[in-house]
Amino acid sequence: MVAALVLRQRLIAVNIRKTKKTYCKNNECWKHTLHKVTQCKKGDDSLSAQAWKQLAYIELRGKEVARRWILYVITYYEV
């Protein structure tokens, strides 16, 4: 039980920098300076990590055709 809690805490903990170099919109700065980071967003998954995504041609507004990412749902039971 204790080992499971310790393992869970290790999985949750993420190393995040406390400062980030971003563009400063202040009239005196107008350059990249260090700022404090209060909340960190999750980045996008790589294309290989996004499972079952494939490109498909989809008809939009009648004659228009566009390539879009679609998700295929796996069905194990066919009726």
PDB file of N, CA and C in Angstrom:
ATOM      1  N   MET A   1       0.829  -1.197   0.000  1.00  0.00           N
ATOM      2  CA  MET A   1       0.000   0.000   0.000  1.00  0.00           C
ATOM      3  C   MET A   1       0.869   1.254   0.000  1.00  0.00           C
ATOM      4  N   VAL A   2       1.877   1.281   0.865  1.00  0.00           N
ATOM      5  CA  VAL A   2       2.764   2.439   0.954  1.00  0.00           C
ATOM      6  C   VAL A   2       3.584   2.571  -0.328  1.00  0.00           C
ATOM      7  N   ALA A   3       4.020   1.437  -0.870  1.00  0.00           N
ATOM      8  CA  ALA A   3       4.811   1.464  -2.101  1.00  0.00           C
ATOM      9  C   ALA A   3       3.987   2.018  -3.261  1.00  0.00           C
ATOM     10  N   ALA A   4       2.688   1.702  -3.290  1.00  0.00           N
ATOM     11  CA  ALA A   4       1.816   2.208  -4.351  1.00  0.00           C
ATOM     12  C   ALA A   4       1.664   3.719  -4.255  1.00  0.00           C
ATOM     13  N   LEU A   5       1.559   4.248  -3.032  1.00  0.00           N
ATOM     14  CA  LEU A   5       1.433   5.695  -2.850  1.00  0.00           C
ATOM     15  C   LEU A   5       2.711   6.416  -3.258  1.00  0.00           C
ATOM     16  N   VAL A   6       3.855   5.839  -2.921  1.00  0.00           N
ATOM     17  CA  VAL A   6       5.136   6.444  -3.284  1.00  0.00           C
ATOM     18  C   VAL A   6       5.295   6.445  -4.801  1.00  0.00           C
ATOM     19  N   LEU A   7       4.919   5.339  -5.448  1.00  0.00           N
ATOM     20  CA  LEU A   7       5.009   5.241  -6.901  1.00  0.00           C
ATOM     21  C   LEU A   7       4.101   6.271  -7.567  1.00  0.00           C
ATOM     22  N   ARG A   8       2.905   6.445  -7.023  1.00  0.00           N
ATOM     23  CA  ARG A   8       1.955   7.411  -7.581  1.00  0.00           C
ATOM     24  C   ARG A   8       2.492   8.836  -7.455  1.00  0.00           C
ATOM     25  N   GLN A   9       3.110   9.159  -6.335  1.00  0.00           N
ATOM     26  CA  GLN A   9       3.670  10.493  -6.140  1.00  0.00           C
ATOM     27  C   GLN A   9       4.818  10.744  -7.113  1.00  0.00           C
ATOM     28  N   ARG A  10       5.601   9.720  -7.415  1.00  0.00           N
ATOM     29  CA  ARG A  10       6.704   9.871  -8.360  1.00  0.00           C
ATOM     30  C   ARG A  10       6.182  10.127  -9.767  1.00  0.00           C
ATOM     31  N   LEU A  11       5.068   9.488 -10.129  1.00  0.00           N
ATOM     32  CA  LEU A  11       4.501   9.677 -11.453  1.00  0.00           C
ATOM     33  C   LEU A  11       3.889  11.064 -11.613  1.00  0.00           C
ATOM     34  N   ILE A  12       3.300  11.604 -10.549  1.00  0.00           N
ATOM     35  CA  ILE A  12       2.645  12.905 -10.609  1.00  0.00           C
ATOM     36  C   ILE A  12       3.666  14.033 -10.660  1.00  0.00           C
ATOM     37  N   ALA A  13       4.758  13.907  -9.929  1.00  0.00           N
ATOM     38  CA  ALA A  13       5.743  14.986  -9.835  1.00  0.00           C
ATOM     39  C   ALA A  13       6.396  15.234 -11.197  1.00  0.00           C
ATOM     40  N   VAL A  14       6.408  16.507 -11.609  1.00  0.00           N
ATOM     41  CA  VAL A  14       6.988  16.896 -12.889  1.00  0.00           C
ATOM     42  C   VAL A  14       7.961  18.033 -12.644  1.00  0.00           C
ATOM     43  N   ASN A  15       9.094  17.994 -13.318  1.00  0.00           N
ATOM     44  CA  ASN A  15      10.090  19.039 -13.160  1.00  0.00           C
ATOM     45  C   ASN A  15       9.723  20.220 -14.062  1.00  0.00           C
ATOM     46  N   ILE A  16       9.325  21.343 -13.450  1.00  0.00           N
ATOM     47  CA  ILE A  16       8.933  22.539 -14.189  1.00  0.00           C
ATOM     48  C   ILE A  16       9.810  23.694 -13.746  1.00  0.00           C
ATOM     49  N   ARG A  17      10.310  24.456 -14.701  1.00  0.00           N
ATOM     50  CA  ARG A  17      11.132  25.610 -14.365  1.00  0.00           C
ATOM     51  C   ARG A  17      10.291  26.682 -13.686  1.00  0.00           C
ATOM     52  N   LYS A  18      10.914  27.416 -12.772  1.00  0.00           N
ATOM     53  CA  LYS A  18      10.213  28.477 -12.053  1.00  0.00           C
ATOM     54  C   LYS A  18      10.213  29.784 -12.833  1.00  0.00           C
ATOM     55  N   THR A  19      11.132  29.917 -13.785  1.00  0.00           N
ATOM     56  CA  THR A  19      11.179  31.121 -14.612  1.00  0.00           C
ATOM     57  C   THR A  19      11.179  30.726 -16.082  1.00  0.00           C
ATOM     58  N   LYS A  20      10.686  31.639 -16.919  1.00  0.00           N
ATOM     59  CA  LYS A  20      10.613  31.388 -18.347  1.00  0.00           C
ATOM     60  C   LYS A  20      10.978  32.669 -19.087  1.00  0.00           C
ATOM     61  N   LYS A  21      11.755  32.527 -20.152  1.00  0.00           N
ATOM     62  CA  LYS A  21      12.168  33.696 -20.919  1.00  0.00           C
ATOM     63  C   LYS A  21      11.123  33.955 -22.000  1.00  0.00           C
ATOM     64  N   THR A  22      10.295  35.002 -21.816  1.00  0.00           N
ATOM     65  CA  THR A  22       9.246  35.328 -22.768  1.00  0.00           C
ATOM     66  C   THR A  22       9.312  36.797 -23.146  1.00  0.00           C
ATOM     67  N   TYR A  23       8.568  37.152 -24.185  1.00  0.00           N
ATOM     68  CA  TYR A  23       8.560  38.523 -24.689  1.00  0.00           C
ATOM     69  C   TYR A  23       7.837  39.433 -23.704  1.00  0.00           C
ATOM     70  N   CYS A  24       8.433  40.575 -23.401  1.00  0.00           N
ATOM     71  CA  CYS A  24       7.862  41.550 -22.474  1.00  0.00           C
ATOM     72  C   CYS A  24       7.243  42.685 -23.292  1.00  0.00           C
ATOM     73  N   LYS A  25       5.925  42.921 -23.107  1.00  0.00           N
ATOM     74  CA  LYS A  25       5.222  43.947 -23.877  1.00  0.00           C
ATOM     75  C   LYS A  25       5.348  45.336 -23.269  1.00  0.00           C
ATOM     76  N   ASN A  26       6.084  45.447 -22.193  1.00  0.00           N
ATOM     77  CA  ASN A  26       6.265  46.738 -21.536  1.00  0.00           C
ATOM     78  C   ASN A  26       6.923  47.725 -22.507  1.00  0.00           C
ATOM     79  N   ASN A  27       6.501  48.988 -22.462  1.00  0.00           N
ATOM     80  CA  ASN A  27       7.032  50.000 -23.382  1.00  0.00           C
ATOM     81  C   ASN A  27       8.530  50.211 -23.207  1.00  0.00           C
ATOM     82  N   GLU A  28       9.055  49.942 -22.033  1.00  0.00           N
ATOM     83  CA  GLU A  28      10.479  50.128 -21.783  1.00  0.00           C
ATOM     84  C   GLU A  28      11.302  48.921 -22.240  1.00  0.00           C
ATOM     85  N   CYS A  29      10.708  47.739 -22.245  1.00  0.00           N
ATOM     86  CA  CYS A  29      11.460  46.507 -22.566  1.00  0.00           C
ATOM     87  C   CYS A  29      11.489  46.193 -24.058  1.00  0.00           C
ATOM     88  N   TRP A  30      10.364  45.673 -24.560  1.00  0.00           N
ATOM     89  CA  TRP A  30      10.218  45.196 -25.937  1.00  0.00           C
ATOM     90  C   TRP A  30      11.272  44.159 -26.305  1.00  0.00           C
ATOM     91  N   LYS A  31      11.553  43.236 -25.403  1.00  0.00           N
ATOM     92  CA  LYS A  31      12.500  42.155 -25.685  1.00  0.00           C
ATOM     93  C   LYS A  31      12.173  40.973 -24.776  1.00  0.00           C
ATOM     94  N   HIS A  32      12.874  39.866 -24.972  1.00  0.00           N
ATOM     95  CA  HIS A  32      12.657  38.678 -24.153  1.00  0.00           C
ATOM     96  C   HIS A  32      13.382  38.834 -22.818  1.00  0.00           C
ATOM     97  N   THR A  33      12.624  38.701 -21.724  1.00  0.00           N
ATOM     98  CA  THR A  33      13.199  38.782 -20.388  1.00  0.00           C
ATOM     99  C   THR A  33      12.646  37.650 -19.533  1.00  0.00           C
ATOM    100  N   LEU A  34      13.253  37.421 -18.384  1.00  0.00           N
ATOM    101  CA  LEU A  34      12.801  36.355 -17.490  1.00  0.00           C
ATOM    102  C   LEU A  34      11.522  36.758 -16.767  1.00  0.00           C
ATOM    103  N   HIS A  35      10.560  35.825 -16.709  1.00  0.00           N
ATOM    104  CA  HIS A  35       9.301  36.026 -16.000  1.00  0.00           C
ATOM    105  C   HIS A  35       9.036  34.805 -15.135  1.00  0.00           C
ATOM    106  N   LYS A  36       8.291  34.988 -14.041  1.00  0.00           N
ATOM    107  CA  LYS A  36       7.927  33.869 -13.182  1.00  0.00           C
ATOM    108  C   LYS A  36       6.828  33.045 -13.843  1.00  0.00           C
ATOM    109  N   VAL A  37       6.904  31.728 -13.664  1.00  0.00           N
ATOM    110  CA  VAL A  37       5.891  30.826 -14.201  1.00  0.00           C
ATOM    111  C   VAL A  37       5.027  30.360 -13.040  1.00  0.00           C
ATOM    112  N   THR A  38       3.716  30.630 -13.126  1.00  0.00           N
ATOM    113  CA  THR A  38       2.812  30.215 -12.061  1.00  0.00           C
ATOM    114  C   THR A  38       2.084  28.935 -12.429  1.00  0.00           C
ATOM    115  N   GLN A  39       1.717  28.784 -13.707  1.00  0.00           N
ATOM    116  CA  GLN A  39       1.007  27.596 -14.138  1.00  0.00           C
ATOM    117  C   GLN A  39       1.554  27.170 -15.487  1.00  0.00           C
ATOM    118  N   CYS A  40       1.799  25.877 -15.659  1.00  0.00           N
ATOM    119  CA  CYS A  40       2.417  25.371 -16.881  1.00  0.00           C
ATOM    120  C   CYS A  40       1.396  24.551 -17.666  1.00  0.00           C
ATOM    121  N   LYS A  41       1.274  24.812 -18.977  1.00  0.00           N
ATOM    122  CA  LYS A  41       0.333  24.081 -19.817  1.00  0.00           C
ATOM    123  C   LYS A  41       0.990  22.823 -20.372  1.00  0.00           C
ATOM    124  N   LYS A  42       0.177  21.834 -20.672  1.00  0.00           N
ATOM    125  CA  LYS A  42       0.663  20.601 -21.272  1.00  0.00           C
ATOM    126  C   LYS A  42       0.872  20.832 -22.764  1.00  0.00           C
ATOM    127  N   GLY A  43       1.985  20.352 -23.290  1.00  0.00           N
ATOM    128  CA  GLY A  43       2.269  20.500 -24.710  1.00  0.00           C
ATOM    129  C   GLY A  43       1.490  19.499 -25.548  1.00  0.00           C
ATOM    130  N   ASP A  44       1.478  19.695 -26.865  1.00  0.00           N
ATOM    131  CA  ASP A  44       0.784  18.792 -27.772  1.00  0.00           C
ATOM    132  C   ASP A  44       1.509  17.455 -27.852  1.00  0.00           C
ATOM    133  N   ASP A  45       0.737  16.388 -28.041  1.00  0.00           N
ATOM    134  CA  ASP A  45       1.320  15.067 -28.225  1.00  0.00           C
ATOM    135  C   ASP A  45       1.952  14.978 -29.609  1.00  0.00           C
ATOM    136  N   SER A  46       2.973  14.147 -29.728  1.00  0.00           N
ATOM    137  CA  SER A  46       3.575  13.924 -31.034  1.00  0.00           C
ATOM    138  C   SER A  46       2.610  13.106 -31.895  1.00  0.00           C
ATOM    139  N   LEU A  47       2.787  13.154 -33.205  1.00  0.00           N
ATOM    140  CA  LEU A  47       1.871  12.453 -34.102  1.00  0.00           C
ATOM    141  C   LEU A  47       1.897  10.948 -33.881  1.00  0.00           C
ATOM    142  N   SER A  48       3.039  10.414 -33.465  1.00  0.00           N
ATOM    143  CA  SER A  48       3.110   8.974 -33.225  1.00  0.00           C
ATOM    144  C   SER A  48       2.369   8.583 -31.953  1.00  0.00           C
ATOM    145  N   ALA A  49       2.225   9.519 -31.021  1.00  0.00           N
ATOM    146  CA  ALA A  49       1.537   9.219 -29.770  1.00  0.00           C
ATOM    147  C   ALA A  49       0.022   9.295 -29.921  1.00  0.00           C
ATOM    148  N   GLN A  50      -0.450  10.010 -30.930  1.00  0.00           N
ATOM    149  CA  GLN A  50      -1.888  10.122 -31.154  1.00  0.00           C
ATOM    150  C   GLN A  50      -2.348   8.873 -31.900  1.00  0.00           C
ATOM    151  N   ALA A  51      -2.938   7.959 -31.179  1.00  0.00           N
ATOM    152  CA  ALA A  51      -3.275   6.658 -31.748  1.00  0.00           C
ATOM    153  C   ALA A  51      -4.488   6.742 -32.666  1.00  0.00           C
ATOM    154  N   TRP A  52      -4.456   5.957 -33.735  1.00  0.00           N
ATOM    155  CA  TRP A  52      -5.554   5.760 -34.667  1.00  0.00           C
ATOM    156  C   TRP A  52      -5.980   7.032 -35.389  1.00  0.00           C
ATOM    157  N   LYS A  53      -5.069   7.977 -35.557  1.00  0.00           N
ATOM    158  CA  LYS A  53      -5.414   9.169 -36.327  1.00  0.00           C
ATOM    159  C   LYS A  53      -4.948   8.970 -37.757  1.00  0.00           C
ATOM    160  N   GLN A  54      -5.813   9.261 -38.699  1.00  0.00           N
ATOM    161  CA  GLN A  54      -5.456   9.135 -40.104  1.00  0.00           C
ATOM    162  C   GLN A  54      -6.039  10.299 -40.885  1.00  0.00           C
ATOM    163  N   LEU A  55      -5.404  10.624 -42.004  1.00  0.00           N
ATOM    164  CA  LEU A  55      -5.923  11.677 -42.873  1.00  0.00           C
ATOM    165  C   LEU A  55      -7.018  11.108 -43.754  1.00  0.00           C
ATOM    166  N   ALA A  56      -8.069  11.892 -43.977  1.00  0.00           N
ATOM    167  CA  ALA A  56      -9.144  11.470 -44.855  1.00  0.00           C
ATOM    168  C   ALA A  56      -9.683  12.682 -45.590  1.00  0.00           C
ATOM    169  N   TYR A  57     -10.234  12.446 -46.767  1.00  0.00           N
ATOM    170  CA  TYR A  57     -10.839  13.524 -47.534  1.00  0.00           C
ATOM    171  C   TYR A  57     -12.286  13.687 -47.087  1.00  0.00           C
ATOM    172  N   ILE A  58     -12.657  14.908 -46.700  1.00  0.00           N
ATOM    173  CA  ILE A  58     -14.000  15.180 -46.200  1.00  0.00           C
ATOM    174  C   ILE A  58     -14.621  16.250 -47.091  1.00  0.00           C
ATOM    175  N   GLU A  59     -15.883  16.028 -47.466  1.00  0.00           N
ATOM    176  CA  GLU A  59     -16.581  16.990 -48.310  1.00  0.00           C
ATOM    177  C   GLU A  59     -17.152  18.102 -47.443  1.00  0.00           C
ATOM    178  N   LEU A  60     -16.804  19.331 -47.783  1.00  0.00           N
ATOM    179  CA  LEU A  60     -17.276  20.488 -47.039  1.00  0.00           C
ATOM    180  C   LEU A  60     -18.088  21.389 -47.955  1.00  0.00           C
ATOM    181  N   ARG A  61     -19.252  21.811 -47.503  1.00  0.00           N
ATOM    182  CA  ARG A  61     -20.102  22.766 -48.235  1.00  0.00           C
ATOM    183  C   ARG A  61     -20.292  22.371 -49.701  1.00  0.00           C
ATOM    184  N   GLY A  62     -20.788  21.193 -49.902  1.00  0.00           N
ATOM    185  CA  GLY A  62     -21.090  20.775 -51.263  1.00  0.00           C
ATOM    186  C   GLY A  62     -19.901  20.255 -52.035  1.00  0.00           C
ATOM    187  N   LYS A  63     -19.247  21.109 -52.844  1.00  0.00           N
ATOM    188  CA  LYS A  63     -18.194  20.658 -53.751  1.00  0.00           C
ATOM    189  C   LYS A  63     -16.802  20.724 -53.141  1.00  0.00           C
ATOM    190  N   GLU A  64     -16.624  21.521 -52.083  1.00  0.00           N
ATOM    191  CA  GLU A  64     -15.299  21.678 -51.478  1.00  0.00           C
ATOM    192  C   GLU A  64     -14.834  20.374 -50.827  1.00  0.00           C
ATOM    193  N   VAL A  65     -13.588  20.021 -51.045  1.00  0.00           N
ATOM    194  CA  VAL A  65     -13.025  18.815 -50.428  1.00  0.00           C
ATOM    195  C   VAL A  65     -11.752  19.211 -49.697  1.00  0.00           C
ATOM    196  N   ALA A  66     -11.605  18.741 -48.462  1.00  0.00           N
ATOM    197  CA  ALA A  66     -10.428  19.087 -47.668  1.00  0.00           C
ATOM    198  C   ALA A  66      -9.888  17.847 -46.980  1.00  0.00           C
ATOM    199  N   ARG A  67      -8.584  17.857 -46.695  1.00  0.00           N
ATOM    200  CA  ARG A  67      -7.971  16.761 -45.937  1.00  0.00           C
ATOM    201  C   ARG A  67      -8.005  17.118 -44.466  1.00  0.00           C
ATOM    202  N   ARG A  68      -8.558  16.269 -43.651  1.00  0.00           N
ATOM    203  CA  ARG A  68      -8.669  16.513 -42.220  1.00  0.00           C
ATOM    204  C   ARG A  68      -8.219  15.271 -41.452  1.00  0.00           C
ATOM    205  N   TRP A  69      -7.769  15.501 -40.203  1.00  0.00           N
ATOM    206  CA  TRP A  69      -7.443  14.381 -39.316  1.00  0.00           C
ATOM    207  C   TRP A  69      -8.744  13.831 -38.762  1.00  0.00           C
ATOM    208  N   ILE A  70      -8.930  12.517 -38.839  1.00  0.00           N
ATOM    209  CA  ILE A  70     -10.113  11.902 -38.248  1.00  0.00           C
ATOM    210  C   ILE A  70      -9.668  10.752 -37.355  1.00  0.00           C
ATOM    211  N   LEU A  71     -10.487  10.450 -36.375  1.00  0.00           N
ATOM    212  CA  LEU A  71     -10.213   9.339 -35.462  1.00  0.00           C
ATOM    213  C   LEU A  71     -11.033   8.131 -35.884  1.00  0.00           C
ATOM    214  N   TYR A  72     -10.374   7.014 -36.032  1.00  0.00           N
ATOM    215  CA  TYR A  72     -11.072   5.780 -36.330  1.00  0.00           C
ATOM    216  C   TYR A  72     -11.380   5.057 -35.036  1.00  0.00           C
ATOM    217  N   VAL A  73     -12.617   4.628 -34.879  1.00  0.00           N
ATOM    218  CA  VAL A  73     -13.024   3.897 -33.690  1.00  0.00           C
ATOM    219  C   VAL A  73     -13.001   2.412 -34.039  1.00  0.00           C
ATOM    220  N   ILE A  74     -12.332   1.643 -33.220  1.00  0.00           N
ATOM    221  CA  ILE A  74     -12.233   0.204 -33.464  1.00  0.00           C
ATOM    222  C   ILE A  74     -13.479  -0.473 -32.906  1.00  0.00           C
ATOM    223  N   THR A  75     -14.159  -1.220 -33.735  1.00  0.00           N
ATOM    224  CA  THR A  75     -15.323  -1.975 -33.270  1.00  0.00           C
ATOM    225  C   THR A  75     -14.949  -3.453 -33.262  1.00  0.00           C
ATOM    226  N   TYR A  76     -15.099  -4.078 -32.126  1.00  0.00           N
ATOM    227  CA  TYR A  76     -14.750  -5.487 -31.983  1.00  0.00           C
ATOM    228  C   TYR A  76     -15.930  -6.398 -32.320  1.00  0.00           C
ATOM    229  N   TYR A  77     -17.126  -5.891 -32.138  1.00  0.00           N
ATOM    230  CA  TYR A  77     -18.318  -6.703 -32.375  1.00  0.00           C
ATOM    231  C   TYR A  77     -19.095  -6.126 -33.543  1.00  0.00           C
ATOM    232  N   GLU A  78     -19.295  -6.919 -34.568  1.00  0.00           N
ATOM    233  CA  GLU A  78     -20.085  -6.478 -35.712  1.00  0.00           C
ATOM    234  C   GLU A  78     -21.473  -7.075 -35.605  1.00  0.00           C
ATOM    235  N   VAL A  79     -22.450  -6.276 -36.002  1.00  0.00           N
ATOM    236  CA  VAL A  79     -23.843  -6.728 -35.902  1.00  0.00           C
ATOM    237  C   VAL A  79     -24.239  -7.434 -37.170  1.00  0.00           C
TER     238      VAL A  79
END
